[in-house]
C-alpha cells in the first residue's frame, strides 16, 4: 500500500456539478491500493441488517447545491463527517487518510448530494486494524435510506434502488457516474475477493461495491 493511502483509478468520466458538459477522469473506485495489510485484524461477524419497510419511493425535486457535512446510513450504523476529495494529477481520486478509516469523503468537484445529477460518496472498506466506515455497505438493499446533512441546514434523504458488486475489469462507468437528471447518490467502497500483494503483484480488492440511490425526501 502506498503511504499516501490513495486509490489508483482507471480512467472513467464522472459528471461535474451544474450543467457543464466537462468531465474529469477519476476512474472506477479500484482497491488495488487499499488500506488492508497482510497482518490486518480479522473483521468481526457481519451485523444483522433490518429489512427496509418500504421499497417503492418516488423522487422529489432537486435541491440547490450545498456542501455536504455528514452522511448517515441508519441500517448499518454509519455516521461520518464528509471530507471533500479531489482528482489528483495522475487521474486518481484522493481518499480519506488510512489513519482515519472511519471517515467518508465526497467528490467535491462534482454534484453536491441532493442537487440535480449524480453525487459520489466514497470510503474505505477495512483497514490495518479492522473494519472501516463502509465495511457493511454490501448489506444494504432496496428501500434502505442514506441521509446527508448539508451546509444549508437541510438533510437530503436518499432511498437505495440497488446494491451491486462490480468487478474492476468490467466497471460500468456510465451507469455508476452517469446522470439521469434527477438527484442521485452513489456510495462506493471496495469489494470482491482480496488478493494479497507479492513480488510483481499489486495486492488489493478486485472490485467495488456500489450503492445506487435517489433523492426521496428532504427535512
C-alpha atoms as a PDB file:
ATOM      1  CA  UNK A   1       0.000   0.000   0.000  1.00  0.00           C
ATOM      2  CA  UNK A   2       1.410   3.439  -0.842  1.00  0.00           C
ATOM      3  CA  UNK A   3       1.971   5.635   2.176  1.00  0.00           C
ATOM      4  CA  UNK A   4      -0.455   8.167   0.736  1.00  0.00           C
ATOM      5  CA  UNK A   5      -3.378   5.766   1.119  1.00  0.00           C
ATOM      6  CA  UNK A   6      -4.775   6.820  -2.265  1.00  0.00           C
ATOM      7  CA  UNK A   7      -6.571   4.588  -4.716  1.00  0.00           C
ATOM      8  CA  UNK A   8      -5.353   4.490  -8.299  1.00  0.00           C
ATOM      9  CA  UNK A   9      -8.343   4.701 -10.565  1.00  0.00           C
ATOM     10  CA  UNK A  10      -8.577   3.610 -14.195  1.00  0.00           C
ATOM     11  CA  UNK A  11      -9.815   6.466 -16.400  1.00  0.00           C
ATOM     12  CA  UNK A  12     -13.572   6.966 -16.190  1.00  0.00           C
ATOM     13  CA  UNK A  13     -15.621  10.078 -16.788  1.00  0.00           C
ATOM     14  CA  UNK A  14     -17.571  11.465 -13.868  1.00  0.00           C
ATOM     15  CA  UNK A  15     -20.176  14.241 -14.092  1.00  0.00           C
ATOM     16  CA  UNK A  16     -19.391  17.672 -12.750  1.00  0.00           C
ATOM     17  CA  UNK A  17     -21.807  19.888 -10.856  1.00  0.00           C
ATOM     18  CA  UNK A  18     -24.175  22.148 -12.755  1.00  0.00           C
ATOM     19  CA  UNK A  19     -24.921  21.939 -16.446  1.00  0.00           C
ATOM     20  CA  UNK A  20     -21.364  21.826 -17.747  1.00  0.00           C
ATOM     21  CA  UNK A  21     -20.581  19.025 -20.180  1.00  0.00           C
ATOM     22  CA  UNK A  22     -16.981  18.819 -18.994  1.00  0.00           C
ATOM     23  CA  UNK A  23     -15.857  15.717 -17.164  1.00  0.00           C
ATOM     24  CA  UNK A  24     -12.830  14.565 -15.229  1.00  0.00           C
ATOM     25  CA  UNK A  25     -11.102  11.232 -15.290  1.00  0.00           C
ATOM     26  CA  UNK A  26     -11.467   9.689 -11.866  1.00  0.00           C
ATOM     27  CA  UNK A  27     -11.954   6.047 -12.731  1.00  0.00           C
ATOM     28  CA  UNK A  28     -13.537   3.017 -11.133  1.00  0.00           C
ATOM     29  CA  UNK A  29     -13.001   3.033  -7.395  1.00  0.00           C
ATOM     30  CA  UNK A  30     -10.493   0.206  -7.618  1.00  0.00           C
ATOM     31  CA  UNK A  31      -8.998  -1.057  -4.399  1.00  0.00           C
ATOM     32  CA  UNK A  32      -5.634  -2.161  -5.751  1.00  0.00           C
ATOM     33  CA  UNK A  33      -4.140   0.372  -3.347  1.00  0.00           C
ATOM     34  CA  UNK A  34      -6.480  -0.268  -0.458  1.00  0.00           C
ATOM     35  CA  UNK A  35      -5.672   0.049   3.198  1.00  0.00           C
ATOM     36  CA  UNK A  36      -5.767  -3.586   4.245  1.00  0.00           C
ATOM     37  CA  UNK A  37      -2.450  -5.231   5.123  1.00  0.00           C
ATOM     38  CA  UNK A  38      -1.424  -8.859   5.314  1.00  0.00           C
ATOM     39  CA  UNK A  39      -1.497  -8.685   9.097  1.00  0.00           C
ATOM     40  CA  UNK A  40      -4.869  -6.925   9.244  1.00  0.00           C
ATOM     41  CA  UNK A  41      -7.041  -7.703  12.219  1.00  0.00           C
ATOM     42  CA  UNK A  42      -9.810 -10.084  11.236  1.00  0.00           C
ATOM     43  CA  UNK A  43     -13.139  -8.323  10.926  1.00  0.00           C
ATOM     44  CA  UNK A  44     -15.953  -9.326  13.300  1.00  0.00           C
ATOM     45  CA  UNK A  45     -19.057 -11.181  12.038  1.00  0.00           C
ATOM     46  CA  UNK A  46     -21.380  -9.129   9.896  1.00  0.00           C
ATOM     47  CA  UNK A  47     -24.249  -7.387  11.608  1.00  0.00           C
ATOM     48  CA  UNK A  48     -27.902  -8.276  11.139  1.00  0.00           C
ATOM     49  CA  UNK A  49     -29.330  -5.521   8.967  1.00  0.00           C
ATOM     50  CA  UNK A  50     -33.101  -4.991   9.351  1.00  0.00           C
ATOM     51  CA  UNK A  51     -35.106  -5.287   6.165  1.00  0.00           C
ATOM     52  CA  UNK A  52     -36.450  -1.989   4.825  1.00  0.00           C
ATOM     53  CA  UNK A  53     -40.145  -1.308   5.310  1.00  0.00           C
ATOM     54  CA  UNK A  54     -40.711   0.454   2.010  1.00  0.00           C
ATOM     55  CA  UNK A  55     -39.078  -0.334  -1.318  1.00  0.00           C
ATOM     56  CA  UNK A  56     -41.015   1.972  -3.637  1.00  0.00           C
ATOM     57  CA  UNK A  57     -40.083   5.610  -3.075  1.00  0.00           C
ATOM     58  CA  UNK A  58     -40.880   8.406  -5.534  1.00  0.00           C
ATOM     59  CA  UNK A  59     -38.273  11.004  -6.377  1.00  0.00           C
ATOM     60  CA  UNK A  60     -38.624  14.577  -5.101  1.00  0.00           C
ATOM     61  CA  UNK A  61     -37.434  17.832  -6.739  1.00  0.00           C
ATOM     62  CA  UNK A  62     -33.744  18.593  -6.653  1.00  0.00           C
ATOM     63  CA  UNK A  63     -32.275  20.983  -4.103  1.00  0.00           C
ATOM     64  CA  UNK A  64     -29.952  23.870  -4.816  1.00  0.00           C
ATOM     65  CA  UNK A  65     -26.259  22.937  -4.478  1.00  0.00           C
ATOM     66  CA  UNK A  66     -24.957  22.993  -0.908  1.00  0.00           C
ATOM     67  CA  UNK A  67     -21.860  21.444   0.642  1.00  0.00           C
ATOM     68  CA  UNK A  68     -22.499  18.121   2.406  1.00  0.00           C
ATOM     69  CA  UNK A  69     -21.349  17.843   6.000  1.00  0.00           C
ATOM     70  CA  UNK A  70     -22.344  14.433   7.340  1.00  0.00           C
ATOM     71  CA  UNK A  71     -23.511  11.091   5.946  1.00  0.00           C
ATOM     72  CA  UNK A  72     -25.680   8.637   7.880  1.00  0.00           C
ATOM     73  CA  UNK A  73     -26.826   5.144   6.945  1.00  0.00           C
ATOM     74  CA  UNK A  74     -29.095   4.084   9.822  1.00  0.00           C
ATOM     75  CA  UNK A  75     -29.477   0.420   8.833  1.00  0.00           C
ATOM     76  CA  UNK A  76     -25.746  -0.267   9.207  1.00  0.00           C
ATOM     77  CA  UNK A  77     -24.942   2.247  11.929  1.00  0.00           C
ATOM     78  CA  UNK A  78     -22.864   4.616   9.806  1.00  0.00           C
ATOM     79  CA  UNK A  79     -22.462   8.254  10.771  1.00  0.00           C
ATOM     80  CA  UNK A  80     -19.452  10.149   9.466  1.00  0.00           C
ATOM     81  CA  UNK A  81     -18.323  13.617   8.558  1.00  0.00           C
ATOM     82  CA  UNK A  82     -17.709  14.075   4.840  1.00  0.00           C
ATOM     83  CA  UNK A  83     -14.356  15.391   3.717  1.00  0.00           C
ATOM     84  CA  UNK A  84     -14.016  16.940   0.256  1.00  0.00           C
ATOM     85  CA  UNK A  85     -11.959  14.890  -2.214  1.00  0.00           C
ATOM     86  CA  UNK A  86     -10.310  15.959  -5.468  1.00  0.00           C
ATOM     87  CA  UNK A  87      -8.824  14.294  -8.516  1.00  0.00           C
ATOM     88  CA  UNK A  88      -5.046  14.106  -8.385  1.00  0.00           C
ATOM     89  CA  UNK A  89      -2.711  14.925 -11.292  1.00  0.00           C
ATOM     90  CA  UNK A  90      -2.262  11.221 -12.071  1.00  0.00           C
ATOM     91  CA  UNK A  91      -6.010  10.779 -12.597  1.00  0.00           C
ATOM     92  CA  UNK A  92      -6.676   9.088  -9.275  1.00  0.00           C
ATOM     93  CA  UNK A  93      -9.279  10.191  -6.780  1.00  0.00           C
ATOM     94  CA  UNK A  94      -7.862  11.073  -3.403  1.00  0.00           C
ATOM     95  CA  UNK A  95      -9.449   9.298  -0.446  1.00  0.00           C
ATOM     96  CA  UNK A  96      -9.713   9.877   3.291  1.00  0.00           C
ATOM     97  CA  UNK A  97      -6.465   9.116   5.071  1.00  0.00           C
ATOM     98  CA  UNK A  98      -5.913   5.469   6.059  1.00  0.00           C
ATOM     99  CA  UNK A  99      -5.192   6.900   9.514  1.00  0.00           C
ATOM    100  CA  UNK A 100      -8.889   7.843   9.744  1.00  0.00           C
ATOM    101  CA  UNK A 101     -10.644   4.797   8.205  1.00  0.00           C
ATOM    102  CA  UNK A 102     -13.992   5.744   9.760  1.00  0.00           C
ATOM    103  CA  UNK A 103     -14.096   8.996   7.775  1.00  0.00           C
ATOM    104  CA  UNK A 104     -16.012   9.152   4.477  1.00  0.00           C
ATOM    105  CA  UNK A 105     -15.479  11.591   1.630  1.00  0.00           C
ATOM    106  CA  UNK A 106     -17.296  13.085  -1.327  1.00  0.00           C
ATOM    107  CA  UNK A 107     -16.165  14.185  -4.791  1.00  0.00           C
ATOM    108  CA  UNK A 108     -16.223  17.952  -4.304  1.00  0.00           C
ATOM    109  CA  UNK A 109     -15.677  18.801  -7.963  1.00  0.00           C
ATOM    110  CA  UNK A 110     -18.940  17.063  -8.777  1.00  0.00           C
ATOM    111  CA  UNK A 111     -22.598  17.267  -7.832  1.00  0.00           C
ATOM    112  CA  UNK A 112     -23.456  18.062  -4.221  1.00  0.00           C
ATOM    113  CA  UNK A 113     -25.797  15.481  -2.658  1.00  0.00           C
ATOM    114  CA  UNK A 114     -29.403  16.496  -3.246  1.00  0.00           C
ATOM    115  CA  UNK A 115     -28.712  18.654  -6.294  1.00  0.00           C
ATOM    116  CA  UNK A 116     -29.629  17.509  -9.802  1.00  0.00           C
ATOM    117  CA  UNK A 117     -27.127  14.975 -11.043  1.00  0.00           C
ATOM    118  CA  UNK A 118     -25.124  12.150  -9.507  1.00  0.00           C
ATOM    119  CA  UNK A 119     -23.197  12.796  -6.294  1.00  0.00           C
ATOM    120  CA  UNK A 120     -20.386  10.492  -5.175  1.00  0.00           C
ATOM    121  CA  UNK A 121     -19.534   9.416  -1.631  1.00  0.00           C
ATOM    122  CA  UNK A 122     -16.600   7.084  -1.016  1.00  0.00           C
ATOM    123  CA  UNK A 123     -14.950   5.416   1.956  1.00  0.00           C
ATOM    124  CA  UNK A 124     -12.682   2.577   2.979  1.00  0.00           C
ATOM    125  CA  UNK A 125     -13.955  -0.977   3.456  1.00  0.00           C
ATOM    126  CA  UNK A 126     -11.405  -2.062   6.027  1.00  0.00           C
ATOM    127  CA  UNK A 127      -8.067  -1.070   7.471  1.00  0.00           C
ATOM    128  CA  UNK A 128      -4.974  -2.493   9.095  1.00  0.00           C
ATOM    129  CA  UNK A 129      -6.829  -2.505  12.416  1.00  0.00           C
ATOM    130  CA  UNK A 130     -10.241  -3.799  11.314  1.00  0.00           C
ATOM    131  CA  UNK A 131     -13.469  -2.662   9.631  1.00  0.00           C
ATOM    132  CA  UNK A 132     -13.683   0.845   8.197  1.00  0.00           C
ATOM    133  CA  UNK A 133     -16.624   3.189   7.646  1.00  0.00           C
ATOM    134  CA  UNK A 134     -18.286   1.269   4.782  1.00  0.00           C
ATOM    135  CA  UNK A 135     -17.499  -2.285   5.894  1.00  0.00           C
ATOM    136  CA  UNK A 136     -21.206  -3.222   5.997  1.00  0.00           C
ATOM    137  CA  UNK A 137     -22.204  -1.355   2.827  1.00  0.00           C
ATOM    138  CA  UNK A 138     -22.921  -4.511   0.832  1.00  0.00           C
ATOM    139  CA  UNK A 139     -25.622  -5.494   3.335  1.00  0.00           C
ATOM    140  CA  UNK A 140     -27.894  -2.667   2.244  1.00  0.00           C
ATOM    141  CA  UNK A 141     -30.795  -3.343  -0.080  1.00  0.00           C
ATOM    142  CA  UNK A 142     -33.621  -1.570  -1.925  1.00  0.00           C
ATOM    143  CA  UNK A 143     -35.609   0.616   0.437  1.00  0.00           C
ATOM    144  CA  UNK A 144     -32.846   1.388   2.920  1.00  0.00           C
ATOM    145  CA  UNK A 145     -32.013   5.061   3.309  1.00  0.00           C
ATOM    146  CA  UNK A 146     -28.921   7.248   3.235  1.00  0.00           C
ATOM    147  CA  UNK A 147     -29.085  10.705   4.832  1.00  0.00           C
ATOM    148  CA  UNK A 148     -26.791  13.624   4.077  1.00  0.00           C
ATOM    149  CA  UNK A 149     -26.763  16.756   6.238  1.00  0.00           C
ATOM    150  CA  UNK A 150     -25.915  19.857   4.210  1.00  0.00           C
ATOM    151  CA  UNK A 151     -24.473  23.290   4.969  1.00  0.00           C
ATOM    152  CA  UNK A 152     -27.811  24.928   4.148  1.00  0.00           C
ATOM    153  CA  UNK A 153     -29.354  23.245   7.194  1.00  0.00           C
ATOM    154  CA  UNK A 154     -31.328  20.712   5.165  1.00  0.00           C
ATOM    155  CA  UNK A 155     -30.991  16.937   5.179  1.00  0.00           C
ATOM    156  CA  UNK A 156     -31.209  15.115   1.851  1.00  0.00           C
ATOM    157  CA  UNK A 157     -32.729  11.648   2.212  1.00  0.00           C
ATOM    158  CA  UNK A 158     -31.903   9.076  -0.439  1.00  0.00           C
ATOM    159  CA  UNK A 159     -33.589   5.702  -0.902  1.00  0.00           C
ATOM    160  CA  UNK A 160     -31.496   2.781  -2.126  1.00  0.00           C
ATOM    161  CA  UNK A 161     -32.511   1.382  -5.502  1.00  0.00           C
ATOM    162  CA  UNK A 162     -29.902  -1.376  -5.697  1.00  0.00           C
ATOM    163  CA  UNK A 163     -26.531  -2.522  -4.395  1.00  0.00           C
ATOM    164  CA  UNK A 164     -24.145  -4.087  -6.884  1.00  0.00           C
ATOM    165  CA  UNK A 165     -20.678  -5.607  -6.843  1.00  0.00           C
ATOM    166  CA  UNK A 166     -18.710  -4.632  -9.951  1.00  0.00           C
ATOM    167  CA  UNK A 167     -15.547  -6.387 -10.999  1.00  0.00           C
ATOM    168  CA  UNK A 168     -12.721  -3.932 -11.529  1.00  0.00           C
ATOM    169  CA  UNK A 169     -12.118  -5.192 -15.037  1.00  0.00           C
ATOM    170  CA  UNK A 170     -15.714  -4.638 -16.133  1.00  0.00           C
ATOM    171  CA  UNK A 171     -16.685  -1.450 -14.343  1.00  0.00           C
ATOM    172  CA  UNK A 172     -19.891   0.117 -15.786  1.00  0.00           C
ATOM    173  CA  UNK A 173     -18.629   3.685 -15.972  1.00  0.00           C
ATOM    174  CA  UNK A 174     -21.712   5.325 -17.437  1.00  0.00           C
ATOM    175  CA  UNK A 175     -24.022   3.524 -15.021  1.00  0.00           C
ATOM    176  CA  UNK A 176     -22.062   4.481 -11.923  1.00  0.00           C
ATOM    177  CA  UNK A 177     -21.103   8.035 -12.831  1.00  0.00           C
ATOM    178  CA  UNK A 178     -23.711   8.994 -15.410  1.00  0.00           C
ATOM    179  CA  UNK A 179     -26.670  11.218 -14.643  1.00  0.00           C
ATOM    180  CA  UNK A 180     -30.368  10.811 -15.331  1.00  0.00           C
ATOM    181  CA  UNK A 181     -31.041  14.446 -14.493  1.00  0.00           C
ATOM    182  CA  UNK A 182     -32.689  13.652 -11.183  1.00  0.00           C
ATOM    183  CA  UNK A 183     -30.767  13.922  -7.886  1.00  0.00           C
ATOM    184  CA  UNK A 184     -28.974  10.637  -7.244  1.00  0.00           C
ATOM    185  CA  UNK A 185     -26.249   9.343  -4.962  1.00  0.00           C
ATOM    186  CA  UNK A 186     -23.614   6.652  -5.329  1.00  0.00           C
ATOM    187  CA  UNK A 187     -21.900   5.301  -2.227  1.00  0.00           C
ATOM    188  CA  UNK A 188     -18.787   3.352  -3.166  1.00  0.00           C
ATOM    189  CA  UNK A 189     -16.274   1.153  -1.390  1.00  0.00           C
ATOM    190  CA  UNK A 190     -14.020  -1.808  -2.066  1.00  0.00           C
ATOM    191  CA  UNK A 191     -15.492  -5.238  -2.714  1.00  0.00           C
ATOM    192  CA  UNK A 192     -14.921  -8.687  -4.088  1.00  0.00           C
ATOM    193  CA  UNK A 193     -12.084 -11.054  -3.234  1.00  0.00           C
ATOM    194  CA  UNK A 194      -8.902  -9.749  -1.688  1.00  0.00           C
ATOM    195  CA  UNK A 195      -5.652 -10.579  -3.436  1.00  0.00           C
ATOM    196  CA  UNK A 196      -2.524 -10.306  -1.283  1.00  0.00           C
ATOM    197  CA  UNK A 197       0.378  -8.453  -2.810  1.00  0.00           C
ATOM    198  CA  UNK A 198       3.674 -10.072  -3.667  1.00  0.00           C
ATOM    199  CA  UNK A 199       6.706  -9.752  -5.919  1.00  0.00           C
ATOM    200  CA  UNK A 200       5.435  -8.125  -9.093  1.00  0.00           C
ATOM    201  CA  UNK A 201       1.827  -8.377  -7.902  1.00  0.00           C
ATOM    202  CA  UNK A 202      -0.131  -5.429  -6.597  1.00  0.00           C
ATOM    203  CA  UNK A 203      -2.491  -6.628  -3.901  1.00  0.00           C
ATOM    204  CA  UNK A 204      -5.962  -5.347  -3.176  1.00  0.00           C
ATOM    205  CA  UNK A 205      -9.658  -5.973  -3.532  1.00  0.00           C
ATOM    206  CA  UNK A 206     -10.686  -6.940  -7.023  1.00  0.00           C
ATOM    207  CA  UNK A 207     -13.897  -4.957  -7.329  1.00  0.00           C
ATOM    208  CA  UNK A 208     -16.166  -2.296  -5.880  1.00  0.00           C
ATOM    209  CA  UNK A 209     -19.453  -2.321  -4.032  1.00  0.00           C
ATOM    210  CA  UNK A 210     -21.718   0.453  -5.331  1.00  0.00           C
ATOM    211  CA  UNK A 211     -24.948   1.645  -3.721  1.00  0.00           C
ATOM    212  CA  UNK A 212     -27.357   3.283  -6.182  1.00  0.00           C
ATOM    213  CA  UNK A 213     -29.855   5.668  -4.565  1.00  0.00           C
ATOM    214  CA  UNK A 214     -32.072   8.617  -5.464  1.00  0.00           C
ATOM    215  CA  UNK A 215     -33.448  11.584  -3.523  1.00  0.00           C
ATOM    216  CA  UNK A 216     -36.823  10.796  -1.944  1.00  0.00           C
ATOM    217  CA  UNK A 217     -37.119  13.268   0.914  1.00  0.00           C
ATOM    218  CA  UNK A 218     -35.873  16.481   2.483  1.00  0.00           C
ATOM    219  CA  UNK A 219     -36.140  17.699   6.030  1.00  0.00           C
END
